[in-house]
Protein backbone atom coordinates (compact mmCIF):
# COMPACT_ATOMS: atom_id res chain seq x y z
CA MET A 1 84.47 171.30 85.45
CA VAL A 2 81.66 170.65 87.91
CA THR A 3 81.81 173.11 90.81
CA SER A 4 78.97 171.65 92.86
CA GLY A 5 77.54 168.28 93.70
CA CYS A 6 75.13 168.54 90.77
CA PRO A 7 76.06 167.29 87.31
CA PRO A 8 76.06 169.90 84.56
CA SER A 9 72.70 170.17 82.82
CA ASP A 10 72.09 169.98 79.08
CA PHE A 11 71.28 173.68 79.26
CA GLU A 12 74.88 174.44 80.14
CA ASP A 13 76.18 172.27 77.30
CA GLU A 14 77.38 174.53 74.50
CA GLY A 15 76.81 171.67 72.05
CA ASN A 16 73.06 172.23 72.32
CA ASP A 17 73.40 175.46 70.37
CA ASP A 18 74.00 173.39 67.23
CA ARG A 19 70.57 171.81 67.71
CA ILE A 20 68.71 174.87 69.01
CA ARG A 21 69.89 177.45 66.44
CA PRO A 22 68.20 175.74 63.43
CA LEU A 23 64.93 175.53 65.37
CA VAL A 24 65.03 179.22 66.25
CA ASP A 25 65.96 180.15 62.68
CA PHE A 26 63.09 178.07 61.28
CA TRP A 27 60.48 179.62 63.57
CA ASN A 28 61.80 183.11 62.84
CA ILE A 29 61.25 182.52 59.10
CA VAL A 30 57.74 181.03 59.35
CA PRO A 31 55.90 184.37 59.86
CA VAL A 32 57.27 185.77 56.58
CA LEU A 33 56.51 182.77 54.35
CA ASP A 34 54.20 184.03 51.61
CA GLU A 35 52.88 180.57 50.70
CA LEU A 36 51.18 180.03 54.08
CA ASP A 37 47.45 180.53 54.05
CA ALA A 38 45.47 181.51 57.13
CA THR A 39 44.56 177.90 57.95
CA LYS A 40 48.19 176.78 58.01
CA ARG A 41 49.25 179.83 60.02
CA LYS A 42 46.55 179.05 62.58
CA ALA A 43 47.69 175.41 62.76
CA LEU A 44 51.30 176.48 63.33
CA GLU A 45 50.63 178.93 66.18
CA PRO A 46 50.23 176.34 68.96
CA LEU A 47 53.22 174.40 67.63
CA GLU A 48 55.39 177.50 67.81
CA ARG A 49 54.29 178.11 71.40
CA LEU A 50 55.05 174.49 72.27
CA VAL A 51 58.55 174.71 70.77
CA THR A 52 59.17 177.93 72.69
CA ASP A 53 58.05 176.28 75.92
CA CYS A 54 60.29 173.27 75.24
CA LEU A 55 63.33 175.46 74.65
CA PHE A 56 62.75 177.57 77.76
CA GLN A 57 62.67 174.53 80.05
CA VAL A 58 65.77 173.91 82.15
CA PRO A 59 67.20 171.79 80.70
CA PRO A 60 65.58 172.45 77.33
CA ASP A 61 63.58 169.61 75.80
CA ILE A 62 65.35 169.82 72.45
CA GLY A 63 64.15 166.45 71.20
CA ARG A 64 60.51 167.39 71.61
CA ALA A 65 61.13 170.81 70.04
CA GLU A 66 62.71 169.06 67.04
CA SER A 67 59.76 166.67 66.73
CA VAL A 68 57.21 169.47 66.87
CA THR A 69 59.19 171.44 64.29
CA ALA A 70 59.21 168.38 62.01
CA LEU A 71 55.42 168.28 62.31
CA ALA A 72 55.31 171.97 61.37
CA LEU A 73 57.35 171.22 58.25
CA ARG A 74 54.82 168.56 57.30
CA ILE A 75 51.96 171.00 57.74
CA ILE A 76 53.72 173.62 55.62
CA SER A 77 54.39 171.07 52.87
CA GLY A 78 50.72 170.09 52.77
CA TRP A 79 51.11 166.65 54.35
CA SER A 80 47.99 165.03 55.69
CA ARG A 81 47.28 161.74 57.43
CA ASP A 82 45.02 160.60 54.57
């Protein structure tokens, strides 16, 4: 129920938790992955900050956070543009 003249934001939508939780879980696991070398860890740092920033926006930019996380998965798997 809307109690003001403003529509409810995505942030208030409990359904977003189903999309946010896997992102948070992924980024919580990244620091303990043994197979990441220093170069990959350094490449992932700005992506993690970007995802954090996206999720702390009101409303959260979940789509962008998901896209950046997908890029992180590519980096971890050794993907390159070549």
